[in-house]
Each structure stands twice: as C-alpha cells, then as structure tokens.
C-alpha cells in the first residue's frame, strides 16, 4: 500500500501563476479579523497547522501584527520565506500612480518582508487620495477620485513587477466586465483575481474566462461568511458532509480547490484553523450535486458595486 493511498494531497494543491511567478497554494489564510489583536497568534497557529498562503491588506490595518508572526516563525528557521506565499493589497485611496510604490513599500515594511508574492488592487474604485482610508462628504457619501483610471493604476503595478520586488499582480472585488477591459490592454496580465465565491455564488462565467487567460480565481467568503441563507446548512451540503464524514465547511473548501479555485478562510480559533486545512478530495458525485442541485444564488458582499467592503445581512 502506497503512502499516497491514505494521504490525500488536496490541501497541498498549488496552482501555477502566469508570468512565471511561481505557484500559489490553493489553501489560503485570510487576515481580516474583527479584533486585530488576535492577528499575530492566529497567523502563527495557521503556519504551524500548515497554511503557506496568507492574504493581507493595507486596509485591514494589521499588517504589522502579521509581520510580527511571520518574522518570529521564519526566524525560528523551521519555515523558509520562499515557502510562504504572501499577498497584500493596494487600498482605494492610493490609486494615483505616484502613490502606488510608496504604498507597496509601506506594506513590505509592515510585513517585514523584502518582496511580495502577489500585490492586488483591493477594488477597482479610486477614492480621494490621502491618508484617510474612508473619505466621506458631509452627507456620508464616499468621495471618489475621477482623476485616475484603473489602467493607470495597473500600469504602476506592472512597474513594481519590472523592479522585481513584486512577483505577481492582480485584482480584487472586480466584475467580469471590468476584468475583460484590463486583460485586453494589460502588458502584464493579472495573475490572480480575488472575488467572493462559494456554492451560492459559484461565478462559473468568471472562472471560465480566467481559466482561458491563465488567471487564478481566489475565493473569499468560501463558506458564505456564516450569513443567511447559510451555505453550510444547505441540505445538499449537509448530506454530502454526512456521507463523507466531513464537515460542511470541509466539503465547501474541497469543492473550491477541485474546481480550480484557490480559497481564503479566516479564523482565530485553532480547531477551526485545523478543520479548514484538513480537506480531502470529494467524489465526482458530490461535485456534480453541488453544481446541479444547489440553485440558491446570492452575493453577501456588495463591494463590487461601491468599492466599500462590507457584508450585508439578508434573511431568507
């Protein structure tokens, strides 16, 4: 009996990135916590459990705490920097080309790293430039910046790749329509596109376009963010989980990787961090059931419409 027959390697899946920038581990750990003080401990635990892909952002205001965890674990010598894939993101207030490099450098400093594996434009919306991450007018409306286009910001990211401290670049919270526009004119194509995706929002059309262009889709909220209607309580999901003796979360995450979509989960609870890493391959029948029998379609995060991240509670 070979080792492979009882060790399921799904959690070790890596997807090759276009533009010769290596591979991205399909199983990723997000670092947006309600309470930023848990960041360092959670990231260290995730590294110990086996996560090697970490998703950060200037906007989360905790890159320094992620940096502390990375520094401690890497300094201990058990894990090498080149074995960890680090993504971070350019916030909306830094879209003007002259602001891109300083924002990138600041993220590197906070994360205590010399290079970033993948740098994403957090949303395609430019907000008023400045240090206030959430610029609003008297009525509380976001102040957008019409003086810069997405392609201008993209060109500034391409220059970061040219300089070598950023291996791959991509987009986040973008619609297929806007993604097409960038892909059509980009000198360096997006390597990664991060969007909300789960069995209630499978984004098949976007995924098909990305596969055609060698772009990796990276799902946030792959478990539906525990919101109503709850993906993990869907009868199709619970029945598959019961049959396979896995949790509905493990089923949803395995489904993601098997259809070619990397994912991010976030937890500060060790048991959940372990559960989210411990995925194994689903049988074809289960993959088919999720695709064909789940008909609920819902987007929980309206960021693609406004550029302002936020999950909107909805009831069935």
Protein backbone atom coordinates (compact mmCIF):
# COMPACT_ATOMS: atom_id res chain seq x y z
CA UNK A 1 0.00 0.00 0.00
CA UNK A 2 1.50 3.27 -1.05
CA UNK A 3 1.70 6.31 1.20
CA UNK A 4 -0.40 8.23 -1.32
CA UNK A 5 -3.38 5.92 -0.97
CA UNK A 6 -4.16 7.05 2.55
CA UNK A 7 -2.70 10.56 2.43
CA UNK A 8 -4.94 12.91 0.50
CA UNK A 9 -2.84 15.66 -1.08
CA UNK A 10 -5.70 18.06 -1.92
CA UNK A 11 -4.61 20.52 0.80
CA UNK A 12 -1.15 20.70 -0.83
CA UNK A 13 -2.55 21.77 -4.21
CA UNK A 14 -0.70 24.64 -5.88
CA UNK A 15 -1.84 26.48 -8.98
CA UNK A 16 0.83 27.78 -11.39
CA UNK A 17 0.76 31.54 -11.91
CA UNK A 18 1.11 33.12 -15.32
CA UNK A 19 4.02 35.50 -15.93
CA UNK A 20 6.49 32.97 -14.47
CA UNK A 21 5.79 33.98 -10.90
CA UNK A 22 5.78 30.53 -9.33
CA UNK A 23 2.74 28.87 -7.79
CA UNK A 24 0.01 29.89 -5.40
CA UNK A 25 -1.09 27.43 -2.67
CA UNK A 26 -4.80 26.78 -3.20
CA UNK A 27 -5.45 26.68 0.54
CA UNK A 28 -5.09 30.21 1.89
CA UNK A 29 -5.48 32.05 5.18
CA UNK A 30 -7.11 35.49 5.32
CA UNK A 31 -6.04 38.03 7.91
CA UNK A 32 -9.09 40.30 8.27
CA UNK A 33 -10.14 39.87 11.90
CA UNK A 34 -12.91 41.70 13.76
CA UNK A 35 -10.43 42.05 16.60
CA UNK A 36 -6.97 42.84 15.14
CA UNK A 37 -5.27 41.94 18.45
CA UNK A 38 -5.71 38.21 17.64
CA UNK A 39 -3.76 38.54 14.36
CA UNK A 40 -0.24 37.53 15.44
CA UNK A 41 -1.37 34.44 17.35
CA UNK A 42 -3.78 33.30 14.60
CA UNK A 43 -1.17 33.66 11.84
CA UNK A 44 1.40 31.73 13.89
CA UNK A 45 -1.12 28.95 14.52
CA UNK A 46 -2.05 28.85 10.83
CA UNK A 47 1.63 28.48 9.90
CA UNK A 48 2.01 25.66 12.45
CA UNK A 49 -1.09 23.88 11.12
CA UNK A 50 0.35 24.02 7.59
CA UNK A 51 -1.06 27.09 5.83
CA UNK A 52 1.51 28.60 3.47
CA UNK A 53 -0.58 31.26 1.73
CA UNK A 54 -1.53 34.45 3.60
CA UNK A 55 -3.75 37.22 2.34
CA UNK A 56 -3.23 40.68 3.82
CA UNK A 57 -4.21 44.26 3.03
CA UNK A 58 -3.25 47.79 3.90
CA UNK A 59 -6.97 48.33 4.59
CA UNK A 60 -7.08 45.69 7.36
CA UNK A 61 -4.75 47.86 9.46
CA UNK A 62 -2.96 44.83 10.93
CA UNK A 63 -0.09 44.16 8.51
CA UNK A 64 2.34 44.92 11.37
CA UNK A 65 0.84 42.14 13.50
CA UNK A 66 1.05 39.73 10.54
CA UNK A 67 4.67 40.83 10.11
CA UNK A 68 5.47 40.01 13.74
CA UNK A 69 4.11 36.47 13.29
CA UNK A 70 5.98 35.93 10.02
CA UNK A 71 9.20 37.28 11.47
CA UNK A 72 9.03 35.06 14.57
CA UNK A 73 8.22 31.88 12.67
CA UNK A 74 10.77 32.48 9.88
CA UNK A 75 13.48 33.49 12.37
CA UNK A 76 12.95 30.16 14.16
CA UNK A 77 14.19 28.54 10.93
CA UNK A 78 11.53 25.84 10.52
CA UNK A 79 9.88 27.57 7.55
CA UNK A 80 11.63 29.47 4.78
CA UNK A 81 10.36 32.73 3.31
CA UNK A 82 10.22 31.15 -0.17
CA UNK A 83 7.79 28.52 1.16
CA UNK A 84 5.26 31.17 2.19
CA UNK A 85 3.08 32.97 -0.34
CA UNK A 86 2.18 36.49 0.78
CA UNK A 87 -0.47 38.62 -0.87
CA UNK A 88 -1.32 42.15 0.10
CA UNK A 89 -3.43 44.89 -1.45
CA UNK A 90 -3.33 48.49 -2.59
CA UNK A 91 -6.16 50.45 -0.98
CA UNK A 92 -8.57 52.69 -2.90
CA UNK A 93 -7.03 55.94 -1.64
CA UNK A 94 -3.68 55.06 -3.25
CA UNK A 95 -4.77 54.54 -6.87
CA UNK A 96 -2.90 57.54 -8.27
CA UNK A 97 0.27 56.15 -9.92
CA UNK A 98 2.67 58.20 -7.78
CA UNK A 99 1.10 56.73 -4.62
CA UNK A 100 1.42 53.07 -5.64
CA UNK A 101 5.09 52.45 -4.93
CA UNK A 102 5.09 54.24 -1.53
CA UNK A 103 2.01 52.19 -0.52
CA UNK A 104 3.73 48.97 -1.66
CA UNK A 105 6.93 49.85 0.24
CA UNK A 106 4.94 50.63 3.38
CA UNK A 107 3.23 47.21 3.23
CA UNK A 108 6.60 45.48 2.80
CA UNK A 109 7.95 47.32 5.86
CA UNK A 110 4.94 46.48 8.00
CA UNK A 111 5.01 42.83 6.92
CA UNK A 112 8.80 42.70 7.44
CA UNK A 113 9.41 41.16 4.01
CA UNK A 114 11.71 42.08 1.11
CA UNK A 115 9.22 41.13 -1.58
CA UNK A 116 5.52 40.41 -2.03
CA UNK A 117 4.39 37.31 -3.90
CA UNK A 118 1.22 38.93 -5.18
CA UNK A 119 0.00 42.53 -4.99
CA UNK A 120 -3.66 43.18 -5.70
CA UNK A 121 -5.67 46.32 -6.38
CA UNK A 122 -8.15 45.96 -3.49
CA UNK A 123 -11.10 47.27 -5.51
CA UNK A 124 -11.42 48.88 -8.96
CA UNK A 125 -12.77 52.07 -7.33
CA UNK A 126 -10.44 55.01 -6.70
CA UNK A 127 -11.24 57.03 -3.57
CA UNK A 128 -9.98 60.55 -2.85
CA UNK A 129 -6.21 60.37 -2.35
CA UNK A 130 -4.85 60.81 1.15
CA UNK A 131 -4.30 59.15 4.50
CA UNK A 132 -7.98 58.87 5.39
CA UNK A 133 -8.90 55.38 4.17
CA UNK A 134 -12.62 56.17 4.15
CA UNK A 135 -13.08 59.69 2.71
CA UNK A 136 -16.69 60.90 3.03
CA UNK A 137 -18.56 64.11 2.31
CA UNK A 138 -20.94 65.90 4.74
CA UNK A 139 -23.76 63.55 3.79
CA UNK A 140 -21.64 60.50 4.49
CA UNK A 141 -21.15 59.53 0.84
CA UNK A 142 -17.79 58.16 -0.30
CA UNK A 143 -15.64 60.70 -2.14
CA UNK A 144 -14.41 59.01 -5.32
CA UNK A 145 -11.44 60.15 -7.40
CA UNK A 146 -12.36 60.61 -11.06
CA UNK A 147 -8.84 61.83 -11.86
CA UNK A 148 -7.31 58.37 -12.23
CA UNK A 149 -8.30 55.33 -14.30
CA UNK A 150 -7.91 51.70 -13.32
CA UNK A 151 -5.49 51.09 -16.18
CA UNK A 152 -3.22 53.92 -14.92
CA UNK A 153 -3.11 52.22 -11.52
CA UNK A 154 -2.48 48.88 -13.24
CA UNK A 155 0.48 50.33 -15.17
CA UNK A 156 2.02 51.39 -11.83
CA UNK A 157 1.65 47.78 -10.58
CA UNK A 158 3.30 46.50 -13.76
CA UNK A 159 6.29 48.70 -12.93
CA UNK A 160 6.53 47.06 -9.49
CA UNK A 161 6.86 43.69 -11.24
CA UNK A 162 9.54 45.13 -13.54
CA UNK A 163 11.51 46.20 -10.47
CA UNK A 164 11.40 42.66 -9.10
CA UNK A 165 10.08 43.15 -5.57
CA UNK A 166 6.61 42.10 -6.55
CA UNK A 167 6.33 38.74 -8.26
CA UNK A 168 2.74 38.80 -9.44
CA UNK A 169 -0.10 41.30 -9.62
CA UNK A 170 -3.84 41.01 -9.71
CA UNK A 171 -7.24 42.48 -8.99
CA UNK A 172 -9.81 42.03 -6.27
CA UNK A 173 -13.56 42.67 -5.99
CA UNK A 174 -13.87 43.11 -9.74
CA UNK A 175 -16.65 42.21 -12.15
CA UNK A 176 -16.04 40.10 -15.25
CA UNK A 177 -16.81 43.13 -17.42
CA UNK A 178 -14.09 45.29 -15.83
CA UNK A 179 -11.65 42.38 -15.74
CA UNK A 180 -12.07 41.95 -19.52
CA UNK A 181 -11.12 45.62 -20.01
CA UNK A 182 -7.87 45.24 -18.06
CA UNK A 183 -6.90 41.91 -19.64
CA UNK A 184 -7.40 43.44 -23.10
CA UNK A 185 -4.82 46.19 -22.52
CA UNK A 186 -2.52 44.88 -19.78
CA UNK A 187 1.16 44.40 -20.63
CA UNK A 188 1.47 42.07 -17.64
CA UNK A 189 -1.77 40.14 -17.30
CA UNK A 190 -3.43 39.76 -13.89
CA UNK A 191 -2.18 36.56 -12.23
CA UNK A 192 -4.88 36.42 -9.56
CA UNK A 193 -8.43 37.70 -9.24
CA UNK A 194 -9.91 37.67 -5.74
CA UNK A 195 -13.70 37.67 -5.52
CA UNK A 196 -16.46 36.43 -3.26
CA UNK A 197 -17.29 32.86 -4.27
CA UNK A 198 -19.00 29.89 -2.64
CA UNK A 199 -21.65 27.31 -3.66
CA UNK A 200 -24.30 30.09 -3.61
CA UNK A 201 -22.11 32.33 -5.82
CA UNK A 202 -20.08 29.93 -7.97
CA UNK A 203 -19.02 32.58 -10.56
CA UNK A 204 -18.74 29.95 -13.30
CA UNK A 205 -18.57 32.51 -16.12
CA UNK A 206 -15.77 34.49 -14.44
CA UNK A 207 -13.93 31.24 -13.71
CA UNK A 208 -14.19 30.14 -17.33
CA UNK A 209 -12.78 33.48 -18.55
CA UNK A 210 -9.95 33.31 -16.02
CA UNK A 211 -9.03 29.75 -16.97
CA UNK A 212 -8.90 30.81 -20.61
CA UNK A 213 -6.36 33.52 -19.69
CA UNK A 214 -4.37 31.55 -17.12
CA UNK A 215 -5.68 33.70 -14.24
CA UNK A 216 -6.21 32.12 -10.82
CA UNK A 217 -9.52 32.81 -9.11
CA UNK A 218 -9.10 33.25 -5.35
CA UNK A 219 -12.33 32.99 -3.35
CA UNK A 220 -13.03 35.00 -0.26
CA UNK A 221 -16.03 34.08 1.93
CA UNK A 222 -15.83 30.49 0.54
CA UNK A 223 -18.13 29.38 3.38
CA UNK A 224 -20.66 32.16 2.78
CA UNK A 225 -19.42 34.17 5.77
CA UNK A 226 -21.87 32.31 8.07
CA UNK A 227 -24.67 34.53 6.79
CA UNK A 228 -28.30 33.77 5.98
CA UNK A 229 -29.16 31.88 3.83
CA UNK A 230 -26.39 29.71 5.27
CA UNK A 231 -24.39 27.78 2.66
CA UNK A 232 -23.20 25.31 5.30
CA UNK A 233 -26.78 24.45 6.28
CA UNK A 234 -27.85 23.80 2.71
CA UNK A 235 -29.33 20.26 2.58
CA UNK A 236 -27.11 19.31 -0.37
CA UNK A 237 -24.00 20.32 1.61
CA UNK A 238 -25.07 18.69 4.86
CA UNK A 239 -25.99 15.41 3.15
CA UNK A 240 -22.65 15.20 1.34
CA UNK A 241 -20.82 16.00 4.58
CA UNK A 242 -22.69 13.28 6.44
CA UNK A 243 -22.00 10.75 3.71
CA UNK A 244 -18.27 11.56 3.63
CA UNK A 245 -17.87 12.07 7.39
CA UNK A 246 -16.56 15.59 6.83
CA UNK A 247 -17.95 18.93 7.97
CA UNK A 248 -19.97 21.04 5.52
CA UNK A 249 -17.12 23.59 5.67
CA UNK A 250 -14.60 20.94 4.58
CA UNK A 251 -16.92 19.95 1.73
CA UNK A 252 -17.26 23.56 0.52
CA UNK A 253 -13.50 24.14 0.64
CA UNK A 254 -12.67 20.88 -1.15
CA UNK A 255 -15.25 21.77 -3.83
CA UNK A 256 -13.44 25.08 -4.34
CA UNK A 257 -9.99 23.55 -4.88
CA UNK A 258 -11.29 20.74 -7.07
CA UNK A 259 -12.96 23.18 -9.47
CA UNK A 260 -9.67 25.07 -9.71
CA UNK A 261 -10.39 27.93 -7.31
CA UNK A 262 -7.98 28.87 -4.51
CA UNK A 263 -9.67 29.98 -1.28
CA UNK A 264 -9.14 32.05 1.86
CA UNK A 265 -10.58 31.22 5.25
CA UNK A 266 -10.08 33.22 8.39
CA UNK A 267 -10.33 32.05 11.96
CA UNK A 268 -8.70 32.84 15.28
CA UNK A 269 -9.86 29.50 16.73
CA UNK A 270 -7.30 26.71 16.49
CA UNK A 271 -9.91 23.96 15.98
CA UNK A 272 -11.39 25.87 13.02
CA UNK A 273 -7.95 26.64 11.58
CA UNK A 274 -7.23 22.88 11.66
CA UNK A 275 -10.63 21.97 10.23
CA UNK A 276 -10.23 24.41 7.31
CA UNK A 277 -6.83 22.96 6.45
CA UNK A 278 -7.91 19.32 6.73
CA UNK A 279 -9.69 18.93 3.41
CA UNK A 280 -9.78 15.88 1.19
CA UNK A 281 -10.91 15.07 -2.33
CA UNK A 282 -14.64 14.82 -2.98
CA UNK A 283 -16.05 12.09 -5.22
CA UNK A 284 -17.36 13.13 -8.65
CA UNK A 285 -20.92 12.58 -7.49
CA UNK A 286 -20.56 15.21 -4.76
CA UNK A 287 -19.04 17.73 -7.17
CA UNK A 288 -21.95 17.14 -9.56
CA UNK A 289 -24.57 17.52 -6.80
CA UNK A 290 -23.15 20.85 -5.65
CA UNK A 291 -23.11 22.17 -9.22
CA UNK A 292 -26.51 20.88 -10.32
CA UNK A 293 -28.68 20.72 -7.19
CA UNK A 294 -27.83 23.97 -5.42
CA UNK A 295 -29.86 26.70 -7.07
CA UNK A 296 -29.69 29.48 -4.44
CA UNK A 297 -27.77 32.46 -5.84
CA UNK A 298 -26.70 35.23 -3.51
CA UNK A 299 -23.90 37.76 -3.11
CA UNK A 300 -23.23 38.69 0.51
CA UNK A 301 -20.66 41.46 -0.02
CA UNK A 302 -21.65 44.48 -2.12
CA UNK A 303 -18.09 45.77 -2.54
CA UNK A 304 -18.16 45.22 -6.33
CA UNK A 305 -20.89 47.87 -6.59
CA UNK A 306 -19.36 50.58 -4.37
CA UNK A 307 -15.72 49.81 -3.56
CA UNK A 308 -16.66 49.76 0.14
CA UNK A 309 -16.19 46.28 1.64
CA UNK A 310 -18.98 45.05 3.85
CA UNK A 311 -21.22 42.05 4.26
CA UNK A 312 -24.93 42.83 4.08
CA UNK A 313 -27.14 40.67 6.31
CA UNK A 314 -30.03 39.20 4.36
CA UNK A 315 -32.73 36.90 5.58
CA UNK A 316 -34.25 34.09 3.57
